[in-house]
Amino acid sequence: MANTFKNQVKAAVGTSPQTIYTTAVGVSTTIIGMTIANLLNTTITANVILNSGGTDYYMVKMAPIDPGNSLITIGGEQKLVMTANDVLKVSTSNASSADVILSLLELT
């Protein structure tokens, strides 16, 4: 079994849920960190959604992020395990308002 550390990034996430990461078939993934940075001069809200088995589940819903700040949704002692075909998505309250950085470990 191979272990591979990776980063996934997505710029200017907005009001439509954007796929940040999809777990491939035959892969297990541990998300070890996720940061959402506010790009605007106004407070935004962010949603983090895990789609598993075709159903969306909110990890974070309408979490406020002040101007010049970021939200760490996964990190420290909190991790997320994803299995084949799970999808991690992010949306915000404003168009092109956030950058997302995801750190993960894939096990193949």
Protein backbone atom coordinates (compact mmCIF):
# COMPACT_ATOMS: atom_id res chain seq x y z
CA MET A 1 0.00 0.00 0.00
CA ALA A 2 1.36 3.41 -1.02
CA ASN A 3 0.83 6.57 1.03
CA THR A 4 0.91 9.86 -0.86
CA PHE A 5 0.57 13.33 0.66
CA LYS A 6 -1.12 15.88 -1.61
CA ASN A 7 -2.60 19.39 -1.67
CA GLN A 8 -5.70 20.33 -3.61
CA VAL A 9 -6.43 24.01 -4.16
CA LYS A 10 -9.39 25.89 -5.59
CA ALA A 11 -9.38 29.63 -6.25
CA ALA A 12 -12.30 32.05 -6.15
CA VAL A 13 -14.99 29.67 -4.88
CA GLY A 14 -18.46 31.21 -4.95
CA THR A 15 -22.15 30.50 -4.55
CA SER A 16 -22.28 27.23 -6.51
CA PRO A 17 -20.79 24.22 -4.70
CA GLN A 18 -17.33 23.57 -6.14
CA THR A 19 -15.74 20.14 -6.00
CA ILE A 20 -12.48 20.38 -4.09
CA TYR A 21 -11.63 16.67 -4.08
CA THR A 22 -13.10 13.34 -5.21
CA THR A 23 -11.75 10.05 -3.87
CA ALA A 24 -10.89 7.65 -6.67
CA VAL A 25 -11.99 4.02 -6.77
CA GLY A 26 -9.53 1.82 -4.88
CA VAL A 27 -8.31 4.74 -2.77
CA SER A 28 -8.94 5.73 0.84
CA THR A 29 -8.20 9.31 1.77
CA THR A 30 -7.62 11.05 5.06
CA ILE A 31 -8.18 14.79 4.93
CA ILE A 32 -5.69 16.29 7.38
CA GLY A 33 -6.34 20.00 6.83
CA MET A 34 -8.72 22.38 5.12
CA THR A 35 -8.61 26.18 5.11
CA ILE A 36 -11.10 28.55 3.49
CA ALA A 37 -9.79 32.13 3.09
CA ASN A 38 -12.08 35.13 2.61
CA LEU A 39 -10.97 37.19 -0.41
CA LEU A 40 -13.44 40.04 0.07
CA ASN A 41 -13.67 43.16 2.21
CA THR A 42 -16.94 41.96 3.71
CA THR A 43 -17.95 39.00 5.86
CA ILE A 44 -18.92 35.88 3.92
CA THR A 45 -20.37 32.55 4.99
CA ALA A 46 -19.06 29.17 3.90
CA ASN A 47 -20.51 25.68 3.51
CA VAL A 48 -18.51 22.45 3.44
CA ILE A 49 -20.39 19.49 2.03
CA LEU A 50 -19.44 15.81 1.91
CA ASN A 51 -21.29 13.85 -0.75
CA SER A 52 -21.24 10.17 0.13
CA GLY A 53 -23.35 7.58 -1.65
CA GLY A 54 -25.06 10.33 -3.66
CA THR A 55 -26.28 12.22 -0.58
CA ASP A 56 -24.98 15.61 0.57
CA TYR A 57 -24.05 16.02 4.24
CA TYR A 58 -23.05 19.39 5.71
CA MET A 59 -19.83 19.45 7.73
CA VAL A 60 -20.10 23.23 8.08
CA LYS A 61 -23.15 25.32 7.20
CA MET A 62 -23.15 29.11 6.90
CA ALA A 63 -19.99 29.58 8.97
CA PRO A 64 -19.00 33.27 8.98
CA ILE A 65 -15.54 34.32 7.80
CA ASP A 66 -14.60 37.96 8.44
CA PRO A 67 -12.57 40.03 5.96
CA GLY A 68 -8.88 39.17 6.02
CA ASN A 69 -9.53 35.93 7.92
CA SER A 70 -9.83 32.24 7.19
CA LEU A 71 -11.75 29.29 8.55
CA ILE A 72 -9.95 26.06 9.40
CA THR A 73 -12.65 23.44 8.96
CA ILE A 74 -10.42 20.37 9.29
CA GLY A 75 -7.13 20.22 11.15
CA GLY A 76 -5.45 19.57 14.46
CA GLU A 77 -7.11 16.55 16.04
CA GLN A 78 -10.05 16.60 13.62
CA LYS A 79 -9.63 14.54 10.44
CA LEU A 80 -12.02 13.29 7.76
CA VAL A 81 -11.84 9.85 6.16
CA MET A 82 -13.17 9.57 2.61
CA THR A 83 -13.75 6.39 0.62
CA ALA A 84 -14.23 5.67 -3.10
CA ASN A 85 -16.41 8.21 -4.93
CA ASP A 86 -16.86 10.51 -1.90
CA VAL A 87 -16.82 14.17 -2.95
CA LEU A 88 -15.84 17.19 -0.84
CA LYS A 89 -17.43 20.48 -1.96
CA VAL A 90 -17.35 24.10 -0.79
CA SER A 91 -19.66 27.04 -1.49
CA THR A 92 -19.85 30.57 -0.11
CA SER A 93 -22.40 33.35 0.15
CA ASN A 94 -20.71 35.59 -2.44
CA ALA A 95 -19.34 35.07 -5.93
CA SER A 96 -15.59 34.42 -6.22
CA SER A 97 -15.13 35.08 -2.51
CA ALA A 98 -12.84 32.35 -1.13
CA ASP A 99 -9.75 30.29 -1.81
CA VAL A 100 -9.65 26.74 -0.47
CA ILE A 101 -6.56 24.72 0.43
CA LEU A 102 -6.95 21.03 1.24
CA SER A 103 -4.17 18.78 2.58
CA LEU A 104 -4.67 15.04 2.36
CA LEU A 105 -3.14 11.60 2.51
CA GLU A 106 -4.13 9.04 -0.12
CA LEU A 107 -3.77 5.33 0.61
CA THR A 108 -3.66 3.18 -2.52
